[in-house]
Amino acid sequence: MRKASVYSYLSGLALVLLMMACAQDEPSLLIGNWIAYEVLEEGEPLDINASEIQLEFVDDMIYSYKSTLDYEEAGQYNVQSSYLYTTDTLTEFQAARKAVEIIQLTADSLQLRMNDEGKERILKMLRDSSSVSTPPVN
């Protein structure tokens, strides 16, 4: 019986390690253009034109971000575990590194959790299908 529990533990550990290895491949799913379709604050939708919020990730760890009220930033990003870290290099002074939690990342959707003045904000985005390159048809 003890042998079975050891094998069960090792199987579970192997599964966790496999999932962690797969999660490290996820940042490549970020590459491309993303357009927001909904922004929730404390679980309630914000009354804004969410499609004005756009994120672009380039494979050399560069990002650009556009939001409402003509806000823009761009710079470097990296992903560690389930967190997206960005450093804006557009401002005159070196901005502090920001972090948001990636709560969902698939080939066509991205959801980020952030804290805005103590309130939870969820940004829901879809991949801009025009940014996905398709192979030429022969």
C-alpha atoms as a PDB file:
ATOM      1  CA  MET A   1       0.000   0.000   0.000  1.00  0.00           C
ATOM      2  CA  ARG A   2       2.836   2.373   0.825  1.00  0.00           C
ATOM      3  CA  LYS A   3       4.360   1.744  -2.621  1.00  0.00           C
ATOM      4  CA  ALA A   4       1.098   2.823  -4.264  1.00  0.00           C
ATOM      5  CA  SER A   5       1.074   6.117  -2.382  1.00  0.00           C
ATOM      6  CA  VAL A   6       4.708   6.799  -3.365  1.00  0.00           C
ATOM      7  CA  TYR A   7       3.871   6.128  -7.018  1.00  0.00           C
ATOM      8  CA  SER A   8       0.799   8.331  -6.715  1.00  0.00           C
ATOM      9  CA  TYR A   9       2.899  11.146  -5.214  1.00  0.00           C
ATOM     10  CA  LEU A  10       5.565  10.810  -7.934  1.00  0.00           C
ATOM     11  CA  SER A  11       2.907  10.783 -10.661  1.00  0.00           C
ATOM     12  CA  GLY A  12       1.371  13.926  -9.219  1.00  0.00           C
ATOM     13  CA  LEU A  13       4.780  15.595  -8.989  1.00  0.00           C
ATOM     14  CA  ALA A  14       5.551  14.661 -12.599  1.00  0.00           C
ATOM     15  CA  LEU A  15       2.216  16.132 -13.695  1.00  0.00           C
ATOM     16  CA  VAL A  16       2.913  19.404 -11.865  1.00  0.00           C
ATOM     17  CA  LEU A  17       6.392  19.632 -13.419  1.00  0.00           C
ATOM     18  CA  LEU A  18       4.964  18.952 -16.869  1.00  0.00           C
ATOM     19  CA  MET A  19       2.339  21.664 -16.389  1.00  0.00           C
ATOM     20  CA  MET A  20       5.027  24.118 -15.247  1.00  0.00           C
ATOM     21  CA  ALA A  21       7.147  23.317 -18.303  1.00  0.00           C
ATOM     22  CA  CYS A  22       4.167  23.872 -20.581  1.00  0.00           C
ATOM     23  CA  ALA A  23       3.360  27.148 -18.826  1.00  0.00           C
ATOM     24  CA  GLN A  24       6.819  28.442 -19.731  1.00  0.00           C
ATOM     25  CA  ASP A  25       5.876  28.072 -23.410  1.00  0.00           C
ATOM     26  CA  GLU A  26       2.789  30.280 -22.954  1.00  0.00           C
ATOM     27  CA  PRO A  27       4.553  33.646 -23.362  1.00  0.00           C
ATOM     28  CA  SER A  28       4.877  32.894 -27.075  1.00  0.00           C
ATOM     29  CA  LEU A  29       1.072  32.965 -27.196  1.00  0.00           C
ATOM     30  CA  LEU A  30       1.246  36.664 -26.276  1.00  0.00           C
ATOM     31  CA  ILE A  31       2.918  37.645 -29.552  1.00  0.00           C
ATOM     32  CA  GLY A  32       0.544  39.679 -31.711  1.00  0.00           C
ATOM     33  CA  ASN A  33      -2.107  42.363 -31.353  1.00  0.00           C
ATOM     34  CA  TRP A  34      -4.851  42.219 -28.732  1.00  0.00           C
ATOM     35  CA  ILE A  35      -8.044  44.310 -28.543  1.00  0.00           C
ATOM     36  CA  ALA A  36     -10.136  44.636 -25.388  1.00  0.00           C
ATOM     37  CA  TYR A  37     -13.820  43.761 -25.482  1.00  0.00           C
ATOM     38  CA  GLU A  38     -14.648  44.196 -21.799  1.00  0.00           C
ATOM     39  CA  VAL A  39     -13.214  45.802 -18.678  1.00  0.00           C
ATOM     40  CA  LEU A  40     -14.588  44.810 -15.281  1.00  0.00           C
ATOM     41  CA  GLU A  41     -13.996  46.690 -12.052  1.00  0.00           C
ATOM     42  CA  GLU A  42     -14.938  44.838  -8.892  1.00  0.00           C
ATOM     43  CA  GLY A  43     -16.935  42.456 -11.136  1.00  0.00           C
ATOM     44  CA  GLU A  44     -18.968  45.193 -12.849  1.00  0.00           C
ATOM     45  CA  PRO A  45     -18.450  46.297 -16.485  1.00  0.00           C
ATOM     46  CA  LEU A  46     -16.995  49.774 -16.929  1.00  0.00           C
ATOM     47  CA  ASP A  47     -18.922  52.125 -19.208  1.00  0.00           C
ATOM     48  CA  ILE A  48     -16.097  52.741 -21.698  1.00  0.00           C
ATOM     49  CA  ASN A  49     -15.315  51.903 -25.298  1.00  0.00           C
ATOM     50  CA  ALA A  50     -13.165  48.879 -24.471  1.00  0.00           C
ATOM     51  CA  SER A  51     -11.982  48.468 -28.075  1.00  0.00           C
ATOM     52  CA  GLU A  52      -9.817  51.595 -27.616  1.00  0.00           C
ATOM     53  CA  ILE A  53      -7.610  49.473 -25.348  1.00  0.00           C
ATOM     54  CA  GLN A  54      -5.010  47.634 -27.404  1.00  0.00           C
ATOM     55  CA  LEU A  55      -1.847  45.712 -26.608  1.00  0.00           C
ATOM     56  CA  GLU A  56       0.829  44.560 -29.013  1.00  0.00           C
ATOM     57  CA  PHE A  57       3.587  42.126 -28.102  1.00  0.00           C
ATOM     58  CA  VAL A  58       6.624  41.585 -30.324  1.00  0.00           C
ATOM     59  CA  ASP A  59       8.799  38.500 -30.013  1.00  0.00           C
ATOM     60  CA  ASP A  60      11.870  40.501 -28.992  1.00  0.00           C
ATOM     61  CA  MET A  61      10.157  41.311 -25.672  1.00  0.00           C
ATOM     62  CA  ILE A  62       8.839  44.715 -26.790  1.00  0.00           C
ATOM     63  CA  TYR A  63       5.268  45.837 -26.142  1.00  0.00           C
ATOM     64  CA  SER A  64       3.047  48.814 -26.898  1.00  0.00           C
ATOM     65  CA  TYR A  65      -0.175  49.750 -25.140  1.00  0.00           C
ATOM     66  CA  LYS A  66      -2.923  52.178 -26.108  1.00  0.00           C
ATOM     67  CA  SER A  67      -5.867  53.000 -23.900  1.00  0.00           C
ATOM     68  CA  THR A  68      -8.703  55.435 -23.479  1.00  0.00           C
ATOM     69  CA  LEU A  69      -8.046  59.183 -23.165  1.00  0.00           C
ATOM     70  CA  ASP A  70      -5.093  58.931 -25.613  1.00  0.00           C
ATOM     71  CA  TYR A  71      -2.905  57.145 -23.048  1.00  0.00           C
ATOM     72  CA  GLU A  72       0.051  55.267 -24.556  1.00  0.00           C
ATOM     73  CA  GLU A  73       3.069  53.416 -23.285  1.00  0.00           C
ATOM     74  CA  ALA A  74       5.657  51.102 -24.782  1.00  0.00           C
ATOM     75  CA  GLY A  75       8.804  49.370 -23.720  1.00  0.00           C
ATOM     76  CA  GLN A  76      10.042  46.006 -22.592  1.00  0.00           C
ATOM     77  CA  TYR A  77       8.111  43.130 -21.095  1.00  0.00           C
ATOM     78  CA  ASN A  78       8.734  39.706 -19.674  1.00  0.00           C
ATOM     79  CA  VAL A  79       6.648  36.911 -18.219  1.00  0.00           C
ATOM     80  CA  GLN A  80       7.462  35.140 -14.980  1.00  0.00           C
ATOM     81  CA  SER A  81       5.133  32.433 -13.787  1.00  0.00           C
ATOM     82  CA  SER A  82       1.643  33.863 -14.320  1.00  0.00           C
ATOM     83  CA  TYR A  83       2.703  37.527 -14.188  1.00  0.00           C
ATOM     84  CA  LEU A  84       3.319  39.951 -17.030  1.00  0.00           C
ATOM     85  CA  TYR A  85       5.909  42.604 -16.150  1.00  0.00           C
ATOM     86  CA  THR A  86       6.186  45.774 -18.240  1.00  0.00           C
ATOM     87  CA  THR A  87       8.574  48.723 -18.148  1.00  0.00           C
ATOM     88  CA  ASP A  88       7.454  51.839 -20.015  1.00  0.00           C
ATOM     89  CA  THR A  89      10.330  53.528 -21.857  1.00  0.00           C
ATOM     90  CA  LEU A  90       8.293  56.311 -23.497  1.00  0.00           C
ATOM     91  CA  THR A  91       8.339  58.603 -20.470  1.00  0.00           C
ATOM     92  CA  GLU A  92      11.204  60.983 -19.729  1.00  0.00           C
ATOM     93  CA  PHE A  93      11.908  59.340 -16.399  1.00  0.00           C
ATOM     94  CA  GLN A  94      12.361  55.617 -15.952  1.00  0.00           C
ATOM     95  CA  ALA A  95       8.949  54.335 -14.916  1.00  0.00           C
ATOM     96  CA  ALA A  96       8.607  51.666 -12.304  1.00  0.00           C
ATOM     97  CA  ARG A  97       8.115  48.123 -13.456  1.00  0.00           C
ATOM     98  CA  LYS A  98       4.426  47.198 -13.487  1.00  0.00           C
ATOM     99  CA  ALA A  99       2.974  43.745 -12.964  1.00  0.00           C
ATOM    100  CA  VAL A 100      -0.382  42.264 -13.896  1.00  0.00           C
ATOM    101  CA  GLU A 101      -1.576  38.706 -13.466  1.00  0.00           C
ATOM    102  CA  ILE A 102      -2.328  36.642 -16.554  1.00  0.00           C
ATOM    103  CA  ILE A 103      -5.485  34.775 -15.572  1.00  0.00           C
ATOM    104  CA  GLN A 104      -6.208  33.352 -19.025  1.00  0.00           C
ATOM    105  CA  LEU A 105      -4.063  33.011 -22.128  1.00  0.00           C
ATOM    106  CA  THR A 106      -5.129  30.985 -25.142  1.00  0.00           C
ATOM    107  CA  ALA A 107      -4.453  31.318 -28.852  1.00  0.00           C
ATOM    108  CA  ASP A 108      -7.299  33.826 -29.197  1.00  0.00           C
ATOM    109  CA  SER A 109      -8.045  35.285 -25.739  1.00  0.00           C
ATOM    110  CA  LEU A 110      -6.168  37.050 -22.989  1.00  0.00           C
ATOM    111  CA  GLN A 111      -7.424  38.097 -19.565  1.00  0.00           C
ATOM    112  CA  LEU A 112      -5.399  40.222 -17.187  1.00  0.00           C
ATOM    113  CA  ARG A 113      -6.067  40.987 -13.520  1.00  0.00           C
ATOM    114  CA  MET A 114      -4.737  44.220 -12.112  1.00  0.00           C
ATOM    115  CA  ASN A 115      -5.164  46.499  -9.145  1.00  0.00           C
ATOM    116  CA  ASP A 116      -6.333  50.045  -9.845  1.00  0.00           C
ATOM    117  CA  GLU A 117      -6.268  52.159  -6.682  1.00  0.00           C
ATOM    118  CA  GLY A 118      -7.203  49.169  -4.527  1.00  0.00           C
ATOM    119  CA  LYS A 119      -9.916  47.876  -6.844  1.00  0.00           C
ATOM    120  CA  GLU A 120      -9.658  44.653  -8.818  1.00  0.00           C
ATOM    121  CA  ARG A 121      -9.840  45.275 -12.552  1.00  0.00           C
ATOM    122  CA  ILE A 122     -10.114  42.520 -15.174  1.00  0.00           C
ATOM    123  CA  LEU A 123      -9.186  43.297 -18.768  1.00  0.00           C
ATOM    124  CA  LYS A 124     -10.628  40.840 -21.307  1.00  0.00           C
ATOM    125  CA  MET A 125      -9.054  40.851 -24.765  1.00  0.00           C
ATOM    126  CA  LEU A 126      -9.271  39.000 -28.063  1.00  0.00           C
ATOM    127  CA  ARG A 127      -6.478  38.493 -30.548  1.00  0.00           C
ATOM    128  CA  ASP A 128      -6.777  40.795 -33.537  1.00  0.00           C
ATOM    129  CA  SER A 129      -7.263  38.232 -36.315  1.00  0.00           C
ATOM    130  CA  SER A 130      -5.703  40.602 -38.862  1.00  0.00           C
ATOM    131  CA  SER A 131      -2.410  40.387 -36.912  1.00  0.00           C
ATOM    132  CA  VAL A 132      -2.142  36.636 -37.338  1.00  0.00           C
ATOM    133  CA  SER A 133      -0.006  35.737 -40.310  1.00  0.00           C
ATOM    134  CA  THR A 134      -1.205  32.905 -42.477  1.00  0.00           C
ATOM    135  CA  PRO A 135       0.975  30.899 -44.840  1.00  0.00           C
ATOM    136  CA  PRO A 136       0.545  31.640 -48.535  1.00  0.00           C
ATOM    137  CA  VAL A 137      -1.742  29.321 -50.497  1.00  0.00           C
ATOM    138  CA  ASN A 138      -0.089  27.572 -53.427  1.00  0.00           C
END
